[in-house]
Protein backbone atom coordinates (compact mmCIF):
# COMPACT_ATOMS: atom_id res chain seq x y z
CA MET A 1 11.57 -10.92 4.64
CA LYS A 2 14.42 -10.34 6.99
CA ARG A 3 13.47 -8.23 10.11
CA ARG A 4 14.35 -5.21 10.42
CA PRO A 5 15.17 -4.79 14.55
CA GLY A 6 17.23 -1.71 13.80
CA TRP A 7 14.61 0.32 11.74
CA TYR A 8 11.93 -0.70 14.41
CA LEU A 9 13.54 0.65 17.37
CA ALA A 10 14.68 3.84 15.46
CA ARG A 11 10.51 4.44 14.81
CA CYS A 12 9.61 3.12 18.50
CA LEU A 13 12.42 6.11 19.68
CA ILE A 14 10.89 8.50 17.21
CA LEU A 15 7.31 8.18 18.07
CA LEU A 16 8.67 8.02 21.92
CA ALA A 17 10.18 11.52 21.68
CA ALA A 18 6.98 12.56 19.76
CA TYR A 19 4.83 11.64 22.50
CA VAL A 20 6.93 13.14 24.82
CA GLY A 21 6.74 16.56 22.90
CA GLY A 22 3.23 16.47 22.19
CA PHE A 23 2.44 16.10 26.33
CA MET A 24 4.93 18.83 26.42
CA ALA A 25 2.85 21.20 24.84
CA LEU A 26 -0.54 19.97 25.55
CA PHE A 27 0.30 20.97 29.39
CA ALA A 28 2.26 24.40 28.38
CA LEU A 29 -0.54 25.91 26.57
CA GLY A 30 -3.27 25.78 28.73
CA SER A 31 -6.61 26.80 27.52
CA SER A 32 -4.77 28.25 24.72
CA PRO A 33 -6.59 27.71 21.26
CA TRP A 34 -3.06 26.83 19.59
CA GLN A 35 -4.09 23.36 21.53
CA LEU A 36 -6.81 22.47 18.77
CA LEU A 37 -3.21 21.76 16.72
CA VAL A 38 -1.69 19.78 19.40
CA GLY A 39 -5.10 17.72 18.93
CA ALA A 40 -4.06 17.40 15.30
CA TYR A 41 -0.69 16.64 15.86
CA PHE A 42 -1.96 13.58 18.31
CA ALA A 43 -4.31 12.64 15.74
CA VAL A 44 -1.36 11.99 13.23
CA LEU A 45 0.64 10.45 16.23
CA PHE A 46 -1.84 8.07 17.06
CA THR A 47 -2.16 6.92 13.20
CA GLN A 48 1.36 6.66 12.96
CA THR A 49 1.25 4.42 16.39
CA ALA A 50 -1.36 2.31 14.57
CA PHE A 51 0.39 1.58 11.82
CA LEU A 52 3.46 0.16 14.24
CA ALA A 53 0.70 -1.45 15.66
CA HIS A 54 -0.30 -3.11 12.41
CA ASP A 55 3.08 -4.11 11.23
CA GLY A 56 3.84 -6.21 14.97
CA ALA A 57 -0.23 -8.26 14.42
CA HIS A 58 1.92 -8.96 10.88
CA LYS A 59 4.24 -10.22 12.69
CA GLN A 60 6.78 -8.31 11.04
CA ILE A 61 9.17 -6.90 14.11
CA PHE A 62 9.98 -9.77 15.83
CA ALA A 63 10.95 -13.35 14.82
CA SER A 64 8.76 -14.33 17.86
CA GLY A 65 5.10 -14.97 17.33
CA ILE A 66 4.21 -14.06 20.82
CA ARG A 67 6.44 -10.80 20.98
CA ASN A 68 5.00 -9.33 18.15
CA GLU A 69 1.38 -10.33 19.48
CA TRP A 70 1.96 -8.89 23.06
CA PHE A 71 3.93 -5.79 20.89
CA SER A 72 0.36 -5.00 19.14
CA ARG A 73 -1.98 -5.69 22.09
CA VAL A 74 -0.15 -2.95 24.37
CA VAL A 75 0.96 -0.82 21.46
CA GLY A 76 -2.70 -0.53 20.13
CA ASN A 77 -5.13 -0.63 22.95
CA LEU A 78 -2.88 2.02 25.43
CA LEU A 79 -1.49 4.21 23.21
CA VAL A 80 -4.48 4.27 20.49
CA GLY A 81 -7.44 2.91 21.95
CA LEU A 82 -7.80 -0.24 19.32
CA SER A 83 -8.45 -3.81 20.40
CA TYR A 84 -6.30 -5.81 18.98
CA GLY A 85 -8.17 -8.94 19.31
CA TRP A 86 -11.21 -6.95 17.36
CA TRP A 87 -8.80 -5.80 14.82
CA MET A 88 -7.01 -8.95 14.24
CA ASN A 89 -10.28 -10.86 13.67
CA LYS A 90 -11.20 -8.55 10.96
CA HIS A 91 -8.17 -8.08 9.29
CA SER A 92 -7.47 -11.86 9.35
CA ARG A 93 -10.72 -12.34 7.32
CA HIS A 94 -9.81 -8.96 5.07
CA HIS A 95 -6.52 -10.40 4.36
CA ALA A 96 -7.88 -14.08 3.45
CA ASN A 97 -10.76 -12.93 0.74
CA PRO A 98 -10.14 -9.21 -0.10
CA ASN A 99 -13.26 -7.70 -1.41
CA LYS A 100 -15.06 -10.52 -1.13
CA MET A 101 -18.85 -9.90 -1.07
CA GLY A 102 -19.80 -11.79 2.66
CA LYS A 103 -16.68 -12.39 3.58
CA ASP A 104 -14.61 -8.86 3.55
CA GLY A 105 -15.71 -7.05 6.28
CA ASP A 106 -13.84 -3.98 5.00
CA ILE A 107 -17.03 -3.60 2.06
CA LYS A 108 -19.77 -4.59 4.67
CA PRO A 109 -22.90 -2.27 4.20
CA GLY A 110 -23.11 0.10 6.68
CA VAL A 111 -23.81 4.20 6.09
CA ILE A 112 -21.73 3.43 2.84
CA VAL A 113 -22.28 0.84 0.67
CA PHE A 114 -19.58 -0.23 -1.97
CA THR A 115 -21.56 -3.13 -3.65
CA THR A 116 -24.28 -2.38 -6.28
CA GLU A 117 -26.14 -5.70 -4.92
CA ASP A 118 -26.38 -3.66 -1.38
CA ALA A 119 -27.20 -0.09 -2.70
CA SER A 120 -30.55 -2.19 -4.19
CA GLN A 121 -31.90 -2.87 -0.93
CA HIS A 122 -32.39 0.99 -0.66
CA HIS A 123 -35.52 2.45 -1.79
CA GLY A 124 -37.33 5.88 -1.88
CA TRP A 125 -35.49 8.45 0.29
CA ARG A 126 -32.88 6.40 1.43
CA ALA A 127 -31.93 5.31 -2.53
CA ALA A 128 -31.70 8.92 -3.09
CA VAL A 129 -29.24 9.40 -0.09
CA MET A 130 -27.55 6.52 -1.43
CA SER A 131 -26.86 7.87 -4.96
CA LYS A 132 -24.89 10.86 -3.30
CA GLN A 133 -22.95 8.90 -0.69
CA HIS A 134 -19.86 9.98 -2.74
CA TRP A 135 -20.48 13.12 -1.63
CA PHE A 136 -20.62 12.57 2.42
CA PHE A 137 -17.80 9.95 2.19
CA PHE A 138 -14.67 12.02 3.74
CA PRO A 139 -16.87 13.71 5.85
CA ILE A 140 -18.29 10.61 7.42
CA LEU A 141 -14.74 9.39 8.40
CA THR A 142 -14.79 12.19 10.95
CA LEU A 143 -16.46 9.65 12.64
CA ALA A 144 -14.60 6.90 11.86
CA GLY A 145 -11.92 7.11 14.83
CA ALA A 146 -14.63 7.26 17.39
CA ASP A 147 -16.50 4.29 15.48
CA LEU A 148 -13.10 2.46 16.30
CA HIS A 149 -13.29 3.13 20.11
CA VAL A 150 -16.56 2.09 20.10
CA ASN A 151 -16.23 -1.18 18.65
CA ALA A 152 -13.16 -1.54 21.02
CA VAL A 153 -15.09 -1.51 23.59
CA LYS A 154 -18.29 -3.52 22.07
CA ALA A 155 -15.41 -6.50 21.63
CA VAL A 156 -13.53 -6.61 25.02
CA LEU A 157 -17.45 -6.49 26.77
CA GLY A 158 -17.80 -9.83 24.93
CA GLY A 159 -18.83 -8.57 21.86
CA GLU A 160 -16.25 -11.04 20.24
CA GLN A 161 -13.60 -13.57 20.96
CA VAL A 162 -10.96 -11.45 22.56
CA LYS A 163 -7.35 -13.02 23.89
CA ALA A 164 -6.44 -11.79 26.93
CA ARG A 165 -10.18 -9.87 27.17
CA GLY A 166 -9.00 -8.81 30.68
CA VAL A 167 -5.34 -6.81 29.57
CA GLU A 168 -7.18 -5.58 26.88
CA ALA A 169 -10.35 -4.16 28.70
CA THR A 170 -7.47 -2.51 31.17
CA LEU A 171 -5.36 -0.88 28.79
CA LEU A 172 -8.36 0.35 26.77
CA ALA A 173 -9.72 2.01 30.36
CA ILE A 174 -6.38 3.68 30.77
CA ARG A 175 -6.40 4.57 27.24
CA LEU A 176 -9.78 5.84 26.40
CA ILE A 177 -10.94 7.48 29.99
CA GLY A 178 -7.35 8.51 30.64
CA PHE A 179 -6.13 10.54 27.70
CA PRO A 180 -9.27 13.06 27.73
CA ALA A 181 -9.25 13.35 31.39
CA LEU A 182 -5.38 14.60 31.04
CA VAL A 183 -6.20 16.72 28.26
CA ILE A 184 -9.13 18.18 30.48
CA ILE A 185 -7.31 18.90 32.95
CA ALA A 186 -4.55 20.44 31.02
CA ALA A 187 -6.69 22.80 28.54
CA GLY A 188 -10.18 23.15 30.68
CA PRO A 189 -13.45 21.54 29.89
CA LEU A 190 -14.33 23.79 26.78
CA MET A 191 -11.47 23.73 25.17
CA GLY A 192 -10.48 19.99 26.28
CA LEU A 193 -13.81 18.83 24.71
CA ALA A 194 -12.57 21.05 21.62
CA PHE A 195 -9.56 19.10 21.71
CA MET A 196 -10.77 15.39 21.92
CA ALA A 197 -13.56 16.60 19.00
CA VAL A 198 -10.23 17.87 16.60
CA GLN A 199 -8.43 15.05 17.70
CA VAL A 200 -10.62 12.01 16.81
CA ALA A 201 -12.40 13.61 13.95
CA LEU A 202 -8.92 13.64 11.68
CA PHE A 203 -7.53 10.43 13.59
CA GLY A 204 -11.05 8.98 11.40
CA ILE A 205 -10.12 10.92 8.29
CA TYR A 206 -6.29 9.92 8.62
CA MET A 207 -6.65 6.33 9.08
CA GLY A 208 -9.70 6.16 6.85
CA GLY A 209 -7.96 8.26 4.12
CA SER A 210 -4.89 5.53 4.24
CA PHE A 211 -6.38 2.85 4.04
CA ALA A 212 -9.59 3.67 1.38
CA PRO A 213 -6.96 3.91 -1.58
CA ASN A 214 -5.70 0.36 -1.33
CA HIS A 215 -8.98 -1.60 -1.95
CA LYS A 216 -11.94 0.75 -2.54
CA GLY A 217 -13.08 0.69 -6.55
CA MET A 218 -10.87 -2.23 -7.55
CA ALA A 219 -12.49 -5.57 -8.24
CA ILE A 220 -15.52 -6.83 -5.95
CA LEU A 221 -15.91 -10.74 -6.17
CA PRO A 222 -18.85 -12.13 -5.72
CA LYS A 223 -19.23 -14.27 -3.24
CA ASP A 224 -19.02 -17.59 -4.64
CA PHE A 225 -16.15 -16.63 -6.95
CA SER A 226 -12.87 -18.93 -6.93
CA ILE A 227 -9.73 -17.41 -8.18
CA ASP A 228 -6.08 -18.33 -7.32
CA PHE A 229 -3.97 -16.60 -4.17
CA LEU A 230 -1.54 -14.18 -6.66
CA ARG A 231 -4.79 -12.73 -8.57
CA ARG A 232 -7.11 -12.59 -5.78
CA GLN A 233 -4.55 -10.42 -3.97
CA THR A 234 -3.04 -8.47 -6.34
CA LEU A 235 -6.24 -7.72 -9.00
CA THR A 236 -8.17 -6.23 -5.60
CA SER A 237 -5.72 -4.17 -4.28
CA ARG A 238 -3.75 -0.96 -5.34
CA ASN A 239 -0.36 0.17 -5.05
CA ILE A 240 -0.13 4.07 -4.62
CA SER A 241 2.93 6.58 -6.08
CA GLY A 242 4.44 9.03 -4.23
CA GLY A 243 7.71 8.33 -2.97
CA PRO A 244 9.22 8.26 0.79
CA VAL A 245 7.21 11.08 1.80
CA VAL A 246 3.42 9.26 0.90
CA ALA A 247 5.41 5.56 2.39
CA THR A 248 6.04 7.42 5.32
CA GLY A 249 2.37 9.29 5.37
CA MET A 250 0.76 5.66 4.46
CA GLY A 251 3.02 3.67 7.40
CA GLY A 252 3.80 1.50 3.88
CA LEU A 253 0.90 0.61 3.11
CA ASN A 254 0.96 2.70 -0.25
CA PHE A 255 2.86 -0.50 -1.11
CA GLN A 256 -0.38 -2.61 -0.96
CA ILE A 257 0.06 -5.12 -3.75
CA GLU A 258 3.63 -6.59 -2.05
CA HIS A 259 2.12 -6.47 1.80
CA HIS A 260 -1.03 -8.59 0.51
CA LEU A 261 1.38 -11.35 -0.99
CA PHE A 262 3.76 -10.76 2.27
CA PRO A 263 2.04 -9.54 4.98
CA SER A 264 4.80 -10.94 7.52
CA MET A 265 7.32 -8.99 5.39
CA PRO A 266 8.34 -5.64 6.98
CA SER A 267 6.54 -2.62 5.91
CA VAL A 268 10.27 -0.74 5.06
CA ASN A 269 11.26 -3.89 2.33
CA LEU A 270 8.12 -3.91 0.91
CA ARG A 271 10.00 -0.89 -1.77
CA ARG A 272 12.29 -3.28 -2.48
CA ALA A 273 10.33 -6.03 -3.19
CA ARG A 274 8.36 -3.72 -5.52
CA PRO A 275 9.83 -4.18 -8.95
CA VAL A 276 10.58 -8.34 -8.22
CA VAL A 277 6.56 -8.27 -7.81
CA ARG A 278 5.86 -6.24 -11.06
CA GLU A 279 8.27 -8.35 -13.01
CA PHE A 280 6.30 -11.54 -11.85
CA CYS A 281 3.03 -9.99 -12.96
CA ARG A 282 4.13 -9.04 -16.22
CA GLU A 283 5.66 -11.64 -17.23
CA ARG A 284 2.35 -13.81 -16.23
CA ASP A 285 0.04 -11.07 -17.77
CA VAL A 286 -1.33 -10.49 -14.30
CA ARG A 287 -2.64 -6.23 -14.21
CA TYR A 288 -0.39 -4.17 -11.22
CA THR A 289 -2.06 -1.42 -10.47
CA GLU A 290 0.03 1.70 -9.62
CA THR A 291 -1.58 5.27 -9.14
CA THR A 292 -1.06 8.74 -6.99
CA LEU A 293 -2.51 9.28 -3.90
CA VAL A 294 -5.13 11.89 -5.29
CA GLU A 295 -6.03 10.07 -8.81
CA SER A 296 -6.55 7.31 -6.22
CA TYR A 297 -9.19 9.47 -4.24
CA ARG A 298 -10.91 10.33 -7.65
CA ILE A 299 -11.31 6.68 -8.35
CA VAL A 300 -12.88 5.86 -5.07
CA LEU A 301 -15.43 8.88 -5.51
CA ARG A 302 -16.20 7.47 -9.28
CA TYR A 303 -17.09 3.97 -7.51
CA LEU A 304 -18.63 4.93 -4.93
CA GLN A 305 -21.03 7.26 -6.92
CA ARG A 306 -22.06 4.24 -9.48
CA VAL A 307 -22.42 2.09 -6.82
CA GLY A 308 -24.83 4.23 -4.97
CA LEU A 309 -26.53 4.79 -8.69
CA LYS A 310 -26.46 1.34 -8.75
CA HIS A 311 -24.59 0.93 -12.04
CA ALA A 312 -21.45 -0.54 -10.86
CA ASP A 313 -21.05 -4.28 -11.84
CA PRO A 314 -19.29 -6.61 -9.37
CA PHE A 315 -16.42 -6.42 -11.50
CA GLU A 316 -16.58 -2.62 -12.37
CA CYS A 317 -12.22 -2.08 -12.35
CA PRO A 318 -10.32 -2.18 -15.40
CA LEU A 319 -9.36 -5.77 -14.76
CA ALA A 320 -12.71 -7.65 -15.60
CA SER A 321 -10.93 -9.33 -18.28
CA GLN A 322 -8.33 -11.47 -15.90
CA LEU A 323 -11.19 -12.01 -13.57
CA ARG A 324 -14.25 -13.19 -15.55
């Protein structure tokens, strides 16, 4: 549970160097088609920065809560283009009640639905489209980045209660207006627009592709269902195996079970907590779910298919016997 200041300083310096390299490439290439690769590079860079802001929001970086808050507010708004206040409101509800109907905004119905209850609201051609929702799950993620930016703007314009609203609005304006402006100045109007399209689309895919494996396809808890903290956090979460490459790519969120049990633990320490948590769950006969990244996507898509066909039970997962 100890803070890891050296680790986070190194991450910040690596990201700083990556930003310098990215902007150097942006202004060196002009209107070259190679700018599209730079756009993809920035999509990865912004997502990795979002992971860092996520750690700060969970009070993993500094001992001081205020320092963590302001670090994430500045990094999230100014570099990523996400509202810290909006994200905290949404993410705090998720951690308190993961995968619980009516309480976890991450399973709120939209273009994609995650429960049969929500799927049953669709009829006719809408139901026919919904039955194929597993096919367009990943294509829809290309719009997720733009949706995150839109929600951030809505939040700071008064849509939600946001602390330091003026500061967030200013930082968001600098990021969401300033960065596209720099891209267009460097690459020209047409290539600049193509750059932004690639960057925003891949940012959405990377963000969504990092968060979806953690809970989608795991148990969905009914609104009136009561369960203890250990099982609520463990049985609704899934770890992703794969070693340092996967851990780095997912910002440490591959250790989702440990993160939900100890949200303020520095993400780099979660791998050390994993064997302890696994043994603790084994001794108490609590299912501990871990699989590969590819298999997790298969599980997610199969579950979305069953939901779209209105075949999925809220407990549609291997853990039903432990939840009933």
